[in-house]
Amino acid sequence: MSLLKSFLKHDEGVTAMEYALIGSLIAVVIVIAVTAVGVKLIPIFNKVAASI
């Protein structure tokens, strides 16, 4: 517990936490975008596959 407290007292630790939060938010947005686009592409791929 003291390690966590000393980690949070330093500005570098806070900055690292901020970067971690920003990175995880970006990852969530990417996953949502890929999922949304993927769902819309499935019918297109099926149509192309059927025409081959």
N, C-alpha and C. Protein backbone atom coordinates (compact mmCIF):
# COMPACT_ATOMS: atom_id res chain seq x y z
N MET A 1 0.83 -1.19 0.00
CA MET A 1 0.00 0.00 0.00
C MET A 1 0.87 1.25 0.00
N SER A 2 1.97 1.21 0.74
CA SER A 2 2.85 2.38 0.78
C SER A 2 3.49 2.62 -0.58
N LEU A 3 3.72 1.55 -1.33
CA LEU A 3 4.27 1.71 -2.68
C LEU A 3 3.28 2.46 -3.56
N LEU A 4 2.01 2.14 -3.44
CA LEU A 4 0.98 2.84 -4.22
C LEU A 4 0.89 4.30 -3.81
N LYS A 5 0.96 4.57 -2.52
CA LYS A 5 0.90 5.96 -2.05
C LYS A 5 2.09 6.76 -2.55
N SER A 6 3.27 6.17 -2.48
CA SER A 6 4.45 6.89 -2.96
C SER A 6 4.41 7.06 -4.47
N PHE A 7 3.83 6.10 -5.17
CA PHE A 7 3.69 6.21 -6.62
C PHE A 7 2.76 7.35 -6.98
N LEU A 8 1.66 7.51 -6.25
CA LEU A 8 0.70 8.56 -6.55
C LEU A 8 1.16 9.94 -6.11
N LYS A 9 2.12 10.02 -5.19
CA LYS A 9 2.62 11.32 -4.74
C LYS A 9 3.47 12.00 -5.80
N HIS A 10 4.11 11.22 -6.63
CA HIS A 10 4.99 11.79 -7.65
C HIS A 10 4.18 12.21 -8.87
N ASP A 11 4.59 13.32 -9.47
CA ASP A 11 3.89 13.81 -10.66
C ASP A 11 4.02 12.84 -11.82
N GLU A 12 5.14 12.15 -11.89
CA GLU A 12 5.33 11.20 -12.98
C GLU A 12 4.30 10.08 -12.91
N GLY A 13 3.97 9.67 -11.70
CA GLY A 13 2.97 8.62 -11.53
C GLY A 13 1.59 9.07 -11.98
N VAL A 14 1.26 10.31 -11.65
CA VAL A 14 -0.03 10.85 -12.06
C VAL A 14 -0.08 10.98 -13.58
N THR A 15 1.00 11.44 -14.17
CA THR A 15 1.05 11.57 -15.62
C THR A 15 0.92 10.20 -16.28
N ALA A 16 1.57 9.21 -15.73
CA ALA A 16 1.48 7.86 -16.28
C ALA A 16 0.05 7.34 -16.20
N MET A 17 -0.63 7.63 -15.11
CA MET A 17 -2.03 7.21 -14.98
C MET A 17 -2.91 7.92 -16.00
N GLU A 18 -2.65 9.20 -16.22
CA GLU A 18 -3.42 9.95 -17.22
C GLU A 18 -3.21 9.36 -18.61
N TYR A 19 -1.96 9.05 -18.94
CA TYR A 19 -1.68 8.44 -20.24
C TYR A 19 -2.34 7.07 -20.35
N ALA A 20 -2.36 6.32 -19.27
CA ALA A 20 -3.01 5.01 -19.30
C ALA A 20 -4.51 5.15 -19.53
N LEU A 21 -5.13 6.12 -18.89
CA LEU A 21 -6.57 6.35 -19.10
C LEU A 21 -6.86 6.80 -20.52
N ILE A 22 -6.05 7.71 -21.04
CA ILE A 22 -6.24 8.19 -22.41
C ILE A 22 -6.06 7.03 -23.39
N GLY A 23 -5.03 6.23 -23.17
CA GLY A 23 -4.79 5.08 -24.05
C GLY A 23 -5.93 4.08 -24.02
N SER A 24 -6.47 3.82 -22.84
CA SER A 24 -7.57 2.87 -22.76
C SER A 24 -8.84 3.43 -23.38
N LEU A 25 -9.07 4.73 -23.27
CA LEU A 25 -10.23 5.34 -23.94
C LEU A 25 -10.09 5.26 -25.45
N ILE A 26 -8.90 5.51 -25.95
CA ILE A 26 -8.66 5.39 -27.39
C ILE A 26 -8.90 3.96 -27.85
N ALA A 27 -8.45 2.99 -27.06
CA ALA A 27 -8.65 1.59 -27.41
C ALA A 27 -10.13 1.24 -27.46
N VAL A 28 -10.91 1.75 -26.51
CA VAL A 28 -12.35 1.49 -26.49
C VAL A 28 -13.01 2.08 -27.73
N VAL A 29 -12.63 3.30 -28.10
CA VAL A 29 -13.19 3.94 -29.29
C VAL A 29 -12.85 3.13 -30.54
N ILE A 30 -11.63 2.64 -30.63
CA ILE A 30 -11.23 1.84 -31.79
C ILE A 30 -12.04 0.56 -31.87
N VAL A 31 -12.23 -0.11 -30.74
CA VAL A 31 -13.00 -1.36 -30.73
C VAL A 31 -14.44 -1.09 -31.16
N ILE A 32 -15.04 -0.01 -30.66
CA ILE A 32 -16.41 0.32 -31.03
C ILE A 32 -16.50 0.63 -32.53
N ALA A 33 -15.55 1.39 -33.04
CA ALA A 33 -15.56 1.76 -34.46
C ALA A 33 -15.39 0.53 -35.35
N VAL A 34 -14.46 -0.34 -35.00
CA VAL A 34 -14.23 -1.55 -35.80
C VAL A 34 -15.46 -2.46 -35.76
N THR A 35 -16.08 -2.56 -34.61
CA THR A 35 -17.28 -3.38 -34.49
C THR A 35 -18.41 -2.82 -35.35
N ALA A 36 -18.61 -1.51 -35.29
CA ALA A 36 -19.68 -0.88 -36.08
C ALA A 36 -19.44 -1.04 -37.58
N VAL A 37 -18.21 -0.83 -38.01
CA VAL A 37 -17.89 -0.96 -39.43
C VAL A 37 -17.97 -2.42 -39.85
N GLY A 38 -17.52 -3.31 -39.01
CA GLY A 38 -17.55 -4.74 -39.33
C GLY A 38 -18.95 -5.26 -39.55
N VAL A 39 -19.89 -4.80 -38.73
CA VAL A 39 -21.28 -5.23 -38.87
C VAL A 39 -21.84 -4.77 -40.21
N LYS A 40 -21.47 -3.58 -40.65
CA LYS A 40 -21.96 -3.06 -41.93
C LYS A 40 -21.28 -3.73 -43.13
N LEU A 41 -20.08 -4.26 -42.93
CA LEU A 41 -19.36 -4.88 -44.04
C LEU A 41 -19.76 -6.33 -44.28
N ILE A 42 -20.34 -6.99 -43.31
CA ILE A 42 -20.70 -8.40 -43.46
C ILE A 42 -21.62 -8.63 -44.66
N PRO A 43 -22.70 -7.85 -44.83
CA PRO A 43 -23.55 -8.08 -46.02
C PRO A 43 -22.81 -7.85 -47.34
N ILE A 44 -21.90 -6.90 -47.37
CA ILE A 44 -21.13 -6.63 -48.58
C ILE A 44 -20.24 -7.83 -48.91
N PHE A 45 -19.55 -8.36 -47.91
CA PHE A 45 -18.70 -9.53 -48.14
C PHE A 45 -19.53 -10.74 -48.57
N ASN A 46 -20.70 -10.91 -47.97
CA ASN A 46 -21.56 -12.02 -48.36
C ASN A 46 -22.02 -11.88 -49.81
N LYS A 47 -22.34 -10.66 -50.23
CA LYS A 47 -22.76 -10.43 -51.61
C LYS A 47 -21.62 -10.73 -52.58
N VAL A 48 -20.42 -10.29 -52.24
CA VAL A 48 -19.26 -10.56 -53.09
C VAL A 48 -18.98 -12.06 -53.15
N ALA A 49 -19.07 -12.73 -52.02
CA ALA A 49 -18.82 -14.17 -51.98
C ALA A 49 -19.86 -14.93 -52.80
N ALA A 50 -21.10 -14.48 -52.76
CA ALA A 50 -22.16 -15.16 -53.51
C ALA A 50 -21.99 -14.97 -55.01
N SER A 51 -21.42 -13.83 -55.41
CA SER A 51 -21.27 -13.57 -56.84
C SER A 51 -20.06 -14.28 -57.44
N ILE A 52 -19.19 -14.78 -56.60
CA ILE A 52 -17.98 -15.45 -57.10
C ILE A 52 -18.27 -16.83 -57.49
